[in-house]
């Protein structure tokens, strides 16, 4: 959380919790929870570089699939030609 957010949260909390030390402790605990939630989500969220790497891997996989598809087509054509020749 930013300092201004913490200050605003403290001001709101101090309206309901008259003891300043307890209000500060309450705000500190809320900040810890919020920071932990953001850290937990960091591992789930993708950055631009993560997406770029993923796109590159997808493009490479697509190329490999096309290569195997063409090779399989050629092999099947050869197999059919050999079977026709035998019959």
N, C-alpha and C. Protein backbone atom coordinates (compact mmCIF):
# COMPACT_ATOMS: atom_id res chain seq x y z
N UNK A 1 0.85 -1.18 0.00
CA UNK A 1 0.00 0.00 0.00
C UNK A 1 0.89 1.23 0.00
N UNK A 2 0.38 2.29 -0.58
CA UNK A 2 1.14 3.53 -0.59
C UNK A 2 0.96 4.25 0.74
N UNK A 3 1.82 5.23 0.96
CA UNK A 3 1.76 5.98 2.22
C UNK A 3 0.45 6.74 2.34
N UNK A 4 -0.02 7.31 1.23
CA UNK A 4 -1.28 8.06 1.29
C UNK A 4 -2.46 7.13 1.59
N UNK A 5 -2.42 5.93 1.05
CA UNK A 5 -3.48 4.96 1.34
C UNK A 5 -3.44 4.55 2.81
N UNK A 6 -2.24 4.34 3.31
CA UNK A 6 -2.09 3.97 4.72
C UNK A 6 -2.59 5.08 5.63
N UNK A 7 -2.25 6.32 5.28
CA UNK A 7 -2.68 7.46 6.08
C UNK A 7 -4.20 7.57 6.07
N UNK A 8 -4.79 7.43 4.90
CA UNK A 8 -6.25 7.52 4.79
C UNK A 8 -6.92 6.39 5.58
N UNK A 9 -6.37 5.21 5.49
CA UNK A 9 -6.90 4.08 6.24
C UNK A 9 -6.77 4.33 7.75
N UNK A 10 -5.64 4.89 8.16
CA UNK A 10 -5.44 5.21 9.58
C UNK A 10 -6.46 6.24 10.04
N UNK A 11 -6.69 7.26 9.20
CA UNK A 11 -7.66 8.29 9.57
C UNK A 11 -9.07 7.69 9.73
N UNK A 12 -9.44 6.82 8.80
CA UNK A 12 -10.76 6.18 8.91
C UNK A 12 -10.84 5.28 10.13
N UNK A 13 -9.77 4.55 10.39
CA UNK A 13 -9.74 3.63 11.53
C UNK A 13 -9.77 4.39 12.85
N UNK A 14 -9.06 5.52 12.91
CA UNK A 14 -9.00 6.26 14.17
C UNK A 14 -10.35 6.85 14.56
N UNK A 15 -11.28 6.95 13.60
CA UNK A 15 -12.63 7.40 13.94
C UNK A 15 -13.36 6.36 14.79
N UNK A 16 -13.04 5.09 14.56
CA UNK A 16 -13.74 4.00 15.26
C UNK A 16 -12.92 3.42 16.42
N UNK A 17 -11.59 3.49 16.30
CA UNK A 17 -10.71 3.00 17.36
C UNK A 17 -10.01 4.21 17.96
N UNK A 18 -10.38 4.55 19.18
CA UNK A 18 -9.87 5.78 19.79
C UNK A 18 -8.42 5.66 20.23
N UNK A 19 -7.97 4.48 20.59
CA UNK A 19 -6.58 4.28 21.01
C UNK A 19 -5.69 4.29 19.77
N UNK A 20 -4.77 5.27 19.71
CA UNK A 20 -3.93 5.44 18.52
C UNK A 20 -3.03 4.24 18.26
N UNK A 21 -2.49 3.64 19.31
CA UNK A 21 -1.62 2.47 19.12
C UNK A 21 -2.38 1.29 18.51
N UNK A 22 -3.60 1.09 19.00
CA UNK A 22 -4.41 0.00 18.45
C UNK A 22 -4.80 0.29 17.00
N UNK A 23 -5.09 1.55 16.70
CA UNK A 23 -5.43 1.92 15.33
C UNK A 23 -4.25 1.69 14.40
N UNK A 24 -3.04 2.07 14.85
CA UNK A 24 -1.84 1.85 14.04
C UNK A 24 -1.59 0.36 13.83
N UNK A 25 -1.76 -0.43 14.87
CA UNK A 25 -1.56 -1.88 14.77
C UNK A 25 -2.59 -2.48 13.80
N UNK A 26 -3.82 -2.02 13.88
CA UNK A 26 -4.87 -2.50 12.99
C UNK A 26 -4.53 -2.20 11.54
N UNK A 27 -4.09 -0.98 11.27
CA UNK A 27 -3.71 -0.59 9.91
C UNK A 27 -2.51 -1.40 9.44
N UNK A 28 -1.54 -1.61 10.32
CA UNK A 28 -0.36 -2.40 9.95
C UNK A 28 -0.75 -3.82 9.57
N UNK A 29 -1.66 -4.40 10.31
CA UNK A 29 -2.10 -5.77 10.00
C UNK A 29 -2.85 -5.82 8.67
N UNK A 30 -3.66 -4.82 8.41
CA UNK A 30 -4.37 -4.76 7.12
C UNK A 30 -3.36 -4.63 5.99
N UNK A 31 -2.34 -3.79 6.18
CA UNK A 31 -1.30 -3.63 5.15
C UNK A 31 -0.59 -4.96 4.89
N UNK A 32 -0.30 -5.70 5.95
CA UNK A 32 0.36 -7.00 5.79
C UNK A 32 -0.50 -7.95 4.97
N UNK A 33 -1.78 -7.97 5.26
CA UNK A 33 -2.69 -8.86 4.54
C UNK A 33 -2.77 -8.46 3.06
N UNK A 34 -2.90 -7.17 2.81
CA UNK A 34 -2.98 -6.69 1.43
C UNK A 34 -1.69 -7.00 0.68
N UNK A 35 -0.55 -6.72 1.30
CA UNK A 35 0.74 -7.00 0.66
C UNK A 35 0.90 -8.49 0.37
N UNK A 36 0.47 -9.33 1.31
CA UNK A 36 0.57 -10.78 1.10
C UNK A 36 -0.33 -11.22 -0.05
N UNK A 37 -1.51 -10.64 -0.15
CA UNK A 37 -2.42 -10.98 -1.25
C UNK A 37 -1.79 -10.62 -2.59
N UNK A 38 -1.14 -9.46 -2.67
CA UNK A 38 -0.48 -9.06 -3.91
C UNK A 38 0.68 -9.99 -4.23
N UNK A 39 1.43 -10.39 -3.22
CA UNK A 39 2.55 -11.32 -3.46
C UNK A 39 2.03 -12.67 -3.94
N UNK A 40 0.91 -13.11 -3.39
CA UNK A 40 0.32 -14.37 -3.82
C UNK A 40 -0.13 -14.30 -5.28
N UNK A 41 -0.66 -13.17 -5.69
CA UNK A 41 -1.15 -13.02 -7.05
C UNK A 41 -0.02 -12.81 -8.06
N UNK A 42 1.16 -12.38 -7.59
CA UNK A 42 2.29 -12.15 -8.49
C UNK A 42 2.66 -13.41 -9.26
N UNK A 43 2.56 -14.55 -8.61
CA UNK A 43 2.93 -15.79 -9.27
C UNK A 43 1.90 -16.21 -10.31
N UNK A 44 0.69 -15.71 -10.19
CA UNK A 44 -0.38 -16.07 -11.12
C UNK A 44 -0.42 -15.14 -12.32
N UNK A 45 -0.14 -13.87 -12.10
CA UNK A 45 -0.24 -12.89 -13.17
C UNK A 45 0.92 -13.02 -14.15
N UNK A 46 0.63 -12.81 -15.43
CA UNK A 46 1.65 -12.90 -16.48
C UNK A 46 2.13 -11.49 -16.85
N UNK A 47 3.43 -11.36 -17.00
CA UNK A 47 4.00 -10.09 -17.44
C UNK A 47 4.08 -10.09 -18.96
N UNK A 48 4.43 -8.95 -19.53
CA UNK A 48 4.56 -8.87 -20.98
C UNK A 48 5.64 -9.81 -21.49
N UNK A 49 6.72 -9.93 -20.75
CA UNK A 49 7.79 -10.84 -21.18
C UNK A 49 7.33 -12.30 -21.10
N UNK A 50 6.52 -12.63 -20.09
CA UNK A 50 5.97 -13.99 -20.00
C UNK A 50 5.10 -14.30 -21.22
N UNK A 51 4.29 -13.34 -21.62
CA UNK A 51 3.42 -13.52 -22.77
C UNK A 51 4.23 -13.63 -24.05
N UNK A 52 5.29 -12.83 -24.17
CA UNK A 52 6.14 -12.90 -25.36
C UNK A 52 6.82 -14.26 -25.47
N UNK A 53 7.30 -14.77 -24.35
CA UNK A 53 7.94 -16.10 -24.34
C UNK A 53 6.92 -17.17 -24.73
N UNK A 54 5.72 -17.06 -24.19
CA UNK A 54 4.67 -18.02 -24.51
C UNK A 54 4.31 -17.99 -25.99
N UNK A 55 4.23 -16.79 -26.56
CA UNK A 55 3.92 -16.68 -27.99
C UNK A 55 5.02 -17.32 -28.84
N UNK A 56 6.26 -17.14 -28.44
CA UNK A 56 7.37 -17.74 -29.17
C UNK A 56 7.28 -19.26 -29.11
N UNK A 57 7.01 -19.80 -27.93
CA UNK A 57 6.88 -21.25 -27.76
C UNK A 57 5.72 -21.80 -28.58
N UNK A 58 4.61 -21.07 -28.62
CA UNK A 58 3.46 -21.51 -29.41
C UNK A 58 3.81 -21.51 -30.89
N UNK A 59 4.51 -20.48 -31.36
CA UNK A 59 4.91 -20.43 -32.76
C UNK A 59 5.83 -21.60 -33.12
N UNK A 60 6.77 -21.91 -32.23
CA UNK A 60 7.68 -23.03 -32.47
C UNK A 60 6.90 -24.35 -32.50
N UNK A 61 5.97 -24.51 -31.60
CA UNK A 61 5.16 -25.73 -31.56
C UNK A 61 4.31 -25.86 -32.82
N UNK A 62 3.77 -24.74 -33.27
CA UNK A 62 2.97 -24.75 -34.48
C UNK A 62 3.80 -25.19 -35.68
N UNK A 63 5.02 -24.70 -35.76
CA UNK A 63 5.92 -25.07 -36.85
C UNK A 63 6.24 -26.56 -36.79
N UNK A 64 6.49 -27.08 -35.60
CA UNK A 64 6.76 -28.51 -35.44
C UNK A 64 5.56 -29.36 -35.87
N UNK A 65 4.37 -28.92 -35.52
CA UNK A 65 3.16 -29.65 -35.90
C UNK A 65 3.00 -29.67 -37.41
N UNK A 66 3.25 -28.54 -38.06
CA UNK A 66 3.15 -28.48 -39.52
C UNK A 66 4.17 -29.41 -40.16
N UNK A 67 5.40 -29.42 -39.64
CA UNK A 67 6.43 -30.31 -40.18
C UNK A 67 5.99 -31.77 -40.09
N UNK A 68 5.50 -32.17 -38.93
CA UNK A 68 5.07 -33.56 -38.75
C UNK A 68 3.86 -33.89 -39.62
N UNK A 69 2.98 -32.94 -39.78
CA UNK A 69 1.80 -33.15 -40.63
C UNK A 69 2.22 -33.39 -42.07
N UNK A 70 3.14 -32.59 -42.58
CA UNK A 70 3.64 -32.76 -43.95
C UNK A 70 4.37 -34.09 -44.08
N UNK A 71 5.23 -34.40 -43.12
CA UNK A 71 5.98 -35.67 -43.17
C UNK A 71 5.03 -36.87 -43.14
N UNK A 72 4.00 -36.79 -42.31
CA UNK A 72 3.03 -37.88 -42.24
C UNK A 72 2.26 -38.01 -43.55
N UNK A 73 1.91 -36.89 -44.15
CA UNK A 73 1.22 -36.91 -45.45
C UNK A 73 2.07 -37.56 -46.53
N UNK A 74 3.36 -37.21 -46.56
CA UNK A 74 4.27 -37.82 -47.53
C UNK A 74 4.39 -39.32 -47.28
N UNK A 75 4.54 -39.71 -46.03
CA UNK A 75 4.66 -41.13 -45.70
C UNK A 75 3.40 -41.90 -46.09
N UNK A 76 2.24 -41.33 -45.82
CA UNK A 76 0.99 -41.99 -46.19
C UNK A 76 0.84 -42.10 -47.70
N UNK A 77 1.26 -41.06 -48.42
CA UNK A 77 1.21 -41.10 -49.88
C UNK A 77 2.11 -42.22 -50.40
N UNK A 78 3.30 -42.34 -49.84
CA UNK A 78 4.22 -43.42 -50.23
C UNK A 78 3.64 -44.78 -49.91
N UNK A 79 3.01 -44.90 -48.76
CA UNK A 79 2.40 -46.17 -48.35
C UNK A 79 1.27 -46.57 -49.29
N UNK A 80 0.43 -45.61 -49.63
CA UNK A 80 -0.68 -45.87 -50.55
C UNK A 80 -0.13 -46.26 -51.92
N UNK A 81 0.90 -45.56 -52.39
CA UNK A 81 1.50 -45.89 -53.69
C UNK A 81 2.08 -47.30 -53.67
N UNK A 82 2.72 -47.68 -52.57
CA UNK A 82 3.29 -49.03 -52.47
C UNK A 82 2.19 -50.08 -52.45
N UNK A 83 1.11 -49.82 -51.74
CA UNK A 83 -0.01 -50.77 -51.70
C UNK A 83 -0.67 -50.93 -53.06
N UNK A 84 -0.82 -49.83 -53.79
CA UNK A 84 -1.41 -49.88 -55.12
C UNK A 84 -0.52 -50.68 -56.05
N UNK A 85 0.78 -50.50 -55.92
CA UNK A 85 1.74 -51.21 -56.76
C UNK A 85 1.69 -52.71 -56.48
N UNK A 86 1.50 -53.09 -55.21
CA UNK A 86 1.44 -54.50 -54.85
C UNK A 86 0.16 -55.17 -55.35
N UNK A 87 -0.89 -54.43 -55.39
CA UNK A 87 -2.17 -55.01 -55.81
C UNK A 87 -2.23 -54.98 -57.29
